[in-house]
Amino acid sequence: MATTHLKAIVTGMVWKIERQAGERVEAGEVVMILESMKMEIPLEAQFAGIVRELLVAEGEAVTEGQQVAVLIA
């Protein structure tokens, strides 16, 4: 089973979580949306699988490169 960590690509805030732990995602589906400088930045699943764990909550500040979710194939 392949495991990967979804990482924040900008410093900002978790604006909206689109998928919860245990939910299935397809490659390219948005897992969560970050907000930085009034811009919304979607974080997408790199492959089809399951969201194993969310490491952040809506409204939480994140830094670039921070792990925000764990996905398994």
PDB file of N, CA and C in Angstrom:
ATOM      1  N   MET A   1       0.839  -1.175   0.000  1.00  0.00           N
ATOM      2  CA  MET A   1       0.000   0.000   0.000  1.00  0.00           C
ATOM      3  C   MET A   1       0.890   1.246   0.000  1.00  0.00           C
ATOM      4  N   ALA A   2       0.700   2.131  -0.961  1.00  0.00           N
ATOM      5  CA  ALA A   2       1.475   3.367  -1.043  1.00  0.00           C
ATOM      6  C   ALA A   2       0.863   4.426  -0.135  1.00  0.00           C
ATOM      7  N   THR A   3       1.708   5.106   0.619  1.00  0.00           N
ATOM      8  CA  THR A   3       1.272   6.181   1.493  1.00  0.00           C
ATOM      9  C   THR A   3       2.010   7.444   1.092  1.00  0.00           C
ATOM     10  N   THR A   4       1.306   8.557   1.068  1.00  0.00           N
ATOM     11  CA  THR A   4       1.946   9.834   0.767  1.00  0.00           C
ATOM     12  C   THR A   4       1.346  10.921   1.648  1.00  0.00           C
ATOM     13  N   HIS A   5       2.141  11.949   1.873  1.00  0.00           N
ATOM     14  CA  HIS A   5       1.684  13.099   2.647  1.00  0.00           C
ATOM     15  C   HIS A   5       1.376  14.239   1.687  1.00  0.00           C
ATOM     16  N   LEU A   6       0.193  14.792   1.811  1.00  0.00           N
ATOM     17  CA  LEU A   6      -0.180  15.971   1.050  1.00  0.00           C
ATOM     18  C   LEU A   6       0.390  17.162   1.812  1.00  0.00           C
ATOM     19  N   LYS A   7       1.102  18.051   1.102  1.00  0.00           N
ATOM     20  CA  LYS A   7       1.772  19.175   1.757  1.00  0.00           C
ATOM     21  C   LYS A   7       1.219  20.505   1.261  1.00  0.00           C
ATOM     22  N   ALA A   8       1.240  21.488   2.155  1.00  0.00           N
ATOM     23  CA  ALA A   8       0.833  22.844   1.794  1.00  0.00           C
ATOM     24  C   ALA A   8       1.835  23.404   0.792  1.00  0.00           C
ATOM     25  N   ILE A   9       1.345  24.036  -0.252  1.00  0.00           N
ATOM     26  CA  ILE A   9       2.241  24.589  -1.269  1.00  0.00           C
ATOM     27  C   ILE A   9       2.475  26.087  -1.057  1.00  0.00           C
ATOM     28  N   VAL A  10       1.788  26.670  -0.080  1.00  0.00           N
ATOM     29  CA  VAL A  10       1.974  28.078   0.281  1.00  0.00           C
ATOM     30  C   VAL A  10       1.791  28.225   1.792  1.00  0.00           C
ATOM     31  N   THR A  11       2.272  29.338   2.323  1.00  0.00           N
ATOM     32  CA  THR A  11       1.969  29.690   3.706  1.00  0.00           C
ATOM     33  C   THR A  11       0.631  30.409   3.692  1.00  0.00           C
ATOM     34  N   GLY A  12      -0.265  29.991   4.555  1.00  0.00           N
ATOM     35  CA  GLY A  12      -1.594  30.595   4.573  1.00  0.00           C
ATOM     36  C   GLY A  12      -2.468  29.959   5.632  1.00  0.00           C
ATOM     37  N   MET A  13      -3.738  29.772   5.283  1.00  0.00           N
ATOM     38  CA  MET A  13      -4.721  29.229   6.202  1.00  0.00           C
ATOM     39  C   MET A  13      -5.542  28.154   5.493  1.00  0.00           C
ATOM     40  N   VAL A  14      -5.947  27.136   6.247  1.00  0.00           N
ATOM     41  CA  VAL A  14      -6.850  26.126   5.688  1.00  0.00           C
ATOM     42  C   VAL A  14      -8.222  26.775   5.608  1.00  0.00           C
ATOM     43  N   TRP A  15      -8.673  27.027   4.377  1.00  0.00           N
ATOM     44  CA  TRP A  15      -9.938  27.713   4.177  1.00  0.00           C
ATOM     45  C   TRP A  15     -11.110  26.729   4.238  1.00  0.00           C
ATOM     46  N   LYS A  16     -10.966  25.579   3.542  1.00  0.00           N
ATOM     47  CA  LYS A  16     -12.068  24.610   3.504  1.00  0.00           C
ATOM     48  C   LYS A  16     -11.508  23.207   3.295  1.00  0.00           C
ATOM     49  N   ILE A  17     -12.027  22.261   4.057  1.00  0.00           N
ATOM     50  CA  ILE A  17     -11.668  20.850   3.879  1.00  0.00           C
ATOM     51  C   ILE A  17     -12.781  20.197   3.072  1.00  0.00           C
ATOM     52  N   GLU A  18     -12.412  19.644   1.925  1.00  0.00           N
ATOM     53  CA  GLU A  18     -13.386  19.052   0.994  1.00  0.00           C
ATOM     54  C   GLU A  18     -13.605  17.555   1.230  1.00  0.00           C
ATOM     55  N   ARG A  19     -12.610  16.849   1.733  1.00  0.00           N
ATOM     56  CA  ARG A  19     -12.707  15.397   1.964  1.00  0.00           C
ATOM     57  C   ARG A  19     -12.313  15.090   3.401  1.00  0.00           C
ATOM     58  N   GLN A  20     -13.013  14.161   4.005  1.00  0.00           N
ATOM     59  CA  GLN A  20     -12.756  13.760   5.389  1.00  0.00           C
ATOM     60  C   GLN A  20     -11.981  12.452   5.436  1.00  0.00           C
ATOM     61  N   ALA A  21     -11.393  12.153   6.582  1.00  0.00           N
ATOM     62  CA  ALA A  21     -10.673  10.896   6.769  1.00  0.00           C
ATOM     63  C   ALA A  21     -11.620   9.734   6.484  1.00  0.00           C
ATOM     64  N   GLY A  22     -11.118   8.764   5.738  1.00  0.00           N
ATOM     65  CA  GLY A  22     -11.912   7.597   5.382  1.00  0.00           C
ATOM     66  C   GLY A  22     -12.585   7.706   4.026  1.00  0.00           C
ATOM     67  N   GLU A  23     -12.634   8.901   3.460  1.00  0.00           N
ATOM     68  CA  GLU A  23     -13.281   9.092   2.163  1.00  0.00           C
ATOM     69  C   GLU A  23     -12.337   8.741   1.017  1.00  0.00           C
ATOM     70  N   ARG A  24     -12.915   8.191  -0.036  1.00  0.00           N
ATOM     71  CA  ARG A  24     -12.168   7.847  -1.242  1.00  0.00           C
ATOM     72  C   ARG A  24     -12.013   9.086  -2.111  1.00  0.00           C
ATOM     73  N   VAL A  25     -10.840   9.228  -2.748  1.00  0.00           N
ATOM     74  CA  VAL A  25     -10.592  10.326  -3.680  1.00  0.00           C
ATOM     75  C   VAL A  25     -10.008   9.773  -4.967  1.00  0.00           C
ATOM     76  N   GLU A  26     -10.258  10.470  -6.045  1.00  0.00           N
ATOM     77  CA  GLU A  26      -9.664  10.147  -7.336  1.00  0.00           C
ATOM     78  C   GLU A  26      -8.493  11.093  -7.573  1.00  0.00           C
ATOM     79  N   ALA A  27      -7.581  10.702  -8.437  1.00  0.00           N
ATOM     80  CA  ALA A  27      -6.460  11.573  -8.778  1.00  0.00           C
ATOM     81  C   ALA A  27      -6.992  12.897  -9.301  1.00  0.00           C
ATOM     82  N   GLY A  28      -6.460  13.991  -8.795  1.00  0.00           N
ATOM     83  CA  GLY A  28      -6.885  15.315  -9.229  1.00  0.00           C
ATOM     84  C   GLY A  28      -8.027  15.913  -8.436  1.00  0.00           C
ATOM     85  N   GLU A  29      -8.670  15.132  -7.571  1.00  0.00           N
ATOM     86  CA  GLU A  29      -9.756  15.678  -6.757  1.00  0.00           C
ATOM     87  C   GLU A  29      -9.187  16.549  -5.641  1.00  0.00           C
ATOM     88  N   VAL A  30      -9.908  17.610  -5.330  1.00  0.00           N
ATOM     89  CA  VAL A  30      -9.480  18.541  -4.292  1.00  0.00           C
ATOM     90  C   VAL A  30      -9.742  17.931  -2.912  1.00  0.00           C
ATOM     91  N   VAL A  31      -8.698  17.904  -2.080  1.00  0.00           N
ATOM     92  CA  VAL A  31      -8.815  17.406  -0.711  1.00  0.00           C
ATOM     93  C   VAL A  31      -9.126  18.568   0.232  1.00  0.00           C
ATOM     94  N   MET A  32      -8.442  19.695   0.017  1.00  0.00           N
ATOM     95  CA  MET A  32      -8.702  20.890   0.817  1.00  0.00           C
ATOM     96  C   MET A  32      -8.281  22.121   0.028  1.00  0.00           C
ATOM     97  N   ILE A  33      -8.751  23.270   0.504  1.00  0.00           N
ATOM     98  CA  ILE A  33      -8.426  24.538  -0.143  1.00  0.00           C
ATOM     99  C   ILE A  33      -7.728  25.429   0.877  1.00  0.00           C
ATOM    100  N   LEU A  34      -6.583  25.954   0.478  1.00  0.00           N
ATOM    101  CA  LEU A  34      -5.856  26.900   1.313  1.00  0.00           C
ATOM    102  C   LEU A  34      -6.181  28.312   0.836  1.00  0.00           C
ATOM    103  N   GLU A  35      -6.021  29.280   1.737  1.00  0.00           N
ATOM    104  CA  GLU A  35      -6.204  30.683   1.383  1.00  0.00           C
ATOM    105  C   GLU A  35      -4.925  31.411   1.753  1.00  0.00           C
ATOM    106  N   SER A  36      -4.420  32.183   0.802  1.00  0.00           N
ATOM    107  CA  SER A  36      -3.222  32.976   1.040  1.00  0.00           C
ATOM    108  C   SER A  36      -3.343  34.272   0.246  1.00  0.00           C
ATOM    109  N   MET A  37      -3.246  35.398   0.923  1.00  0.00           N
ATOM    110  CA  MET A  37      -3.326  36.707   0.279  1.00  0.00           C
ATOM    111  C   MET A  37      -4.588  36.847  -0.577  1.00  0.00           C
ATOM    112  N   LYS A  38      -5.713  36.385  -0.027  1.00  0.00           N
ATOM    113  CA  LYS A  38      -7.030  36.472  -0.678  1.00  0.00           C
ATOM    114  C   LYS A  38      -7.184  35.556  -1.895  1.00  0.00           C
ATOM    115  N   MET A  39      -6.236  34.636  -2.084  1.00  0.00           N
ATOM    116  CA  MET A  39      -6.324  33.670  -3.186  1.00  0.00           C
ATOM    117  C   MET A  39      -6.635  32.295  -2.623  1.00  0.00           C
ATOM    118  N   GLU A  40      -7.478  31.546  -3.320  1.00  0.00           N
ATOM    119  CA  GLU A  40      -7.793  30.173  -2.933  1.00  0.00           C
ATOM    120  C   GLU A  40      -6.900  29.224  -3.727  1.00  0.00           C
ATOM    121  N   ILE A  41      -6.207  28.332  -3.016  1.00  0.00           N
ATOM    122  CA  ILE A  41      -5.283  27.399  -3.641  1.00  0.00           C
ATOM    123  C   ILE A  41      -5.735  25.976  -3.319  1.00  0.00           C
ATOM    124  N   PRO A  42      -6.245  25.234  -4.316  1.00  0.00           N
ATOM    125  CA  PRO A  42      -6.691  23.862  -4.061  1.00  0.00           C
ATOM    126  C   PRO A  42      -5.505  22.904  -3.931  1.00  0.00           C
ATOM    127  N   LEU A  43      -5.603  21.977  -2.982  1.00  0.00           N
ATOM    128  CA  LEU A  43      -4.627  20.894  -2.854  1.00  0.00           C
ATOM    129  C   LEU A  43      -5.303  19.629  -3.342  1.00  0.00           C
ATOM    130  N   GLU A  44      -4.732  19.018  -4.370  1.00  0.00           N
ATOM    131  CA  GLU A  44      -5.352  17.873  -5.022  1.00  0.00           C
ATOM    132  C   GLU A  44      -4.631  16.573  -4.685  1.00  0.00           C
ATOM    133  N   ALA A  45      -5.393  15.480  -4.697  1.00  0.00           N
ATOM    134  CA  ALA A  45      -4.819  14.148  -4.517  1.00  0.00           C
ATOM    135  C   ALA A  45      -3.963  13.824  -5.745  1.00  0.00           C
ATOM    136  N   GLN A  46      -2.793  13.288  -5.520  1.00  0.00           N
ATOM    137  CA  GLN A  46      -1.890  12.931  -6.620  1.00  0.00           C
ATOM    138  C   GLN A  46      -2.260  11.606  -7.267  1.00  0.00           C
ATOM    139  N   PHE A  47      -3.018  10.773  -6.541  1.00  0.00           N
ATOM    140  CA  PHE A  47      -3.436   9.474  -7.052  1.00  0.00           C
ATOM    141  C   PHE A  47      -4.759   9.084  -6.399  1.00  0.00           C
ATOM    142  N   ALA A  48      -5.431   8.107  -6.978  1.00  0.00           N
ATOM    143  CA  ALA A  48      -6.677   7.610  -6.395  1.00  0.00           C
ATOM    144  C   ALA A  48      -6.358   6.839  -5.122  1.00  0.00           C
ATOM    145  N   GLY A  49      -7.177   7.012  -4.106  1.00  0.00           N
ATOM    146  CA  GLY A  49      -6.951   6.304  -2.851  1.00  0.00           C
ATOM    147  C   GLY A  49      -7.936   6.747  -1.792  1.00  0.00           C
ATOM    148  N   ILE A  50      -7.484   6.694  -0.553  1.00  0.00           N
ATOM    149  CA  ILE A  50      -8.320   7.020   0.598  1.00  0.00           C
ATOM    150  C   ILE A  50      -7.583   8.052   1.453  1.00  0.00           C
ATOM    151  N   VAL A  51      -8.340   9.034   1.946  1.00  0.00           N
ATOM    152  CA  VAL A  51      -7.774   9.988   2.893  1.00  0.00           C
ATOM    153  C   VAL A  51      -7.661   9.247   4.221  1.00  0.00           C
ATOM    154  N   ARG A  52      -6.445   8.980   4.625  1.00  0.00           N
ATOM    155  CA  ARG A  52      -6.233   8.219   5.867  1.00  0.00           C
ATOM    156  C   ARG A  52      -6.371   9.114   7.096  1.00  0.00           C
ATOM    157  N   GLU A  53      -5.798  10.336   6.993  1.00  0.00           N
ATOM    158  CA  GLU A  53      -5.796  11.219   8.154  1.00  0.00           C
ATOM    159  C   GLU A  53      -5.650  12.674   7.702  1.00  0.00           C
ATOM    160  N   LEU A  54      -6.382  13.555   8.358  1.00  0.00           N
ATOM    161  CA  LEU A  54      -6.209  14.997   8.170  1.00  0.00           C
ATOM    162  C   LEU A  54      -5.365  15.499   9.330  1.00  0.00           C
ATOM    163  N   LEU A  55      -4.338  16.261   9.034  1.00  0.00           N
ATOM    164  CA  LEU A  55      -3.408  16.732  10.058  1.00  0.00           C
ATOM    165  C   LEU A  55      -3.663  18.189  10.452  1.00  0.00           C
ATOM    166  N   VAL A  56      -4.653  18.814   9.826  1.00  0.00           N
ATOM    167  CA  VAL A  56      -5.010  20.214  10.107  1.00  0.00           C
ATOM    168  C   VAL A  56      -6.528  20.342  10.158  1.00  0.00           C
ATOM    169  N   ALA A  57      -6.978  21.489  10.619  1.00  0.00           N
ATOM    170  CA  ALA A  57      -8.416  21.776  10.690  1.00  0.00           C
ATOM    171  C   ALA A  57      -8.701  23.085   9.955  1.00  0.00           C
ATOM    172  N   GLU A  58      -9.953  23.278   9.571  1.00  0.00           N
ATOM    173  CA  GLU A  58     -10.339  24.533   8.933  1.00  0.00           C
ATOM    174  C   GLU A  58     -10.001  25.697   9.855  1.00  0.00           C
ATOM    175  N   GLY A  59      -9.461  26.754   9.263  1.00  0.00           N
ATOM    176  CA  GLY A  59      -9.100  27.940  10.033  1.00  0.00           C
ATOM    177  C   GLY A  59      -7.689  27.908  10.595  1.00  0.00           C
ATOM    178  N   GLU A  60      -7.022  26.776  10.471  1.00  0.00           N
ATOM    179  CA  GLU A  60      -5.668  26.630  11.017  1.00  0.00           C
ATOM    180  C   GLU A  60      -4.632  27.222  10.061  1.00  0.00           C
ATOM    181  N   ALA A  61      -3.643  27.894  10.626  1.00  0.00           N
ATOM    182  CA  ALA A  61      -2.543  28.439   9.823  1.00  0.00           C
ATOM    183  C   ALA A  61      -1.583  27.311   9.448  1.00  0.00           C
ATOM    184  N   VAL A  62      -1.063  27.372   8.217  1.00  0.00           N
ATOM    185  CA  VAL A  62      -0.093  26.378   7.746  1.00  0.00           C
ATOM    186  C   VAL A  62       1.087  27.103   7.098  1.00  0.00           C
ATOM    187  N   THR A  63       2.216  26.418   7.058  1.00  0.00           N
ATOM    188  CA  THR A  63       3.392  26.969   6.396  1.00  0.00           C
ATOM    189  C   THR A  63       3.701  26.133   5.160  1.00  0.00           C
ATOM    190  N   GLU A  64       4.371  26.746   4.203  1.00  0.00           N
ATOM    191  CA  GLU A  64       4.733  26.045   2.977  1.00  0.00           C
ATOM    192  C   GLU A  64       5.541  24.797   3.306  1.00  0.00           C
ATOM    193  N   GLY A  65       5.145  23.667   2.726  1.00  0.00           N
ATOM    194  CA  GLY A  65       5.822  22.396   2.953  1.00  0.00           C
ATOM    195  C   GLY A  65       5.286  21.590   4.126  1.00  0.00           C
ATOM    196  N   GLN A  66       4.406  22.178   4.920  1.00  0.00           N
ATOM    197  CA  GLN A  66       3.817  21.473   6.069  1.00  0.00           C
ATOM    198  C   GLN A  66       2.933  20.334   5.601  1.00  0.00           C
ATOM    199  N   GLN A  67       3.019  19.179   6.237  1.00  0.00           N
ATOM    200  CA  GLN A  67       2.146  18.054   5.928  1.00  0.00           C
ATOM    201  C   GLN A  67       0.752  18.358   6.451  1.00  0.00           C
ATOM    202  N   VAL A  68      -0.258  18.203   5.574  1.00  0.00           N
ATOM    203  CA  VAL A  68      -1.627  18.535   5.962  1.00  0.00           C
ATOM    204  C   VAL A  68      -2.583  17.340   5.928  1.00  0.00           C
ATOM    205  N   ALA A  69      -2.206  16.284   5.205  1.00  0.00           N
ATOM    206  CA  ALA A  69      -3.053  15.092   5.122  1.00  0.00           C
ATOM    207  C   ALA A  69      -2.219  13.892   4.718  1.00  0.00           C
ATOM    208  N   VAL A  70      -2.715  12.698   5.067  1.00  0.00           N
ATOM    209  CA  VAL A  70      -2.069  11.444   4.686  1.00  0.00           C
ATOM    210  C   VAL A  70      -3.033  10.692   3.773  1.00  0.00           C
ATOM    211  N   LEU A  71      -2.548  10.272   2.599  1.00  0.00           N
ATOM    212  CA  LEU A  71      -3.345   9.512   1.634  1.00  0.00           C
ATOM    213  C   LEU A  71      -2.730   8.145   1.437  1.00  0.00           C
ATOM    214  N   ILE A  72      -3.576   7.128   1.257  1.00  0.00           N
ATOM    215  CA  ILE A  72      -3.093   5.781   0.945  1.00  0.00           C
ATOM    216  C   ILE A  72      -3.753   5.282  -0.335  1.00  0.00           C
ATOM    217  N   ALA A  73      -2.998   4.507  -1.091  1.00  0.00           N
ATOM    218  CA  ALA A  73      -3.528   3.962  -2.345  1.00  0.00           C
ATOM    219  C   ALA A  73      -4.109   2.604  -2.098  1.00  0.00           C
TER     220      ALA A  73
END
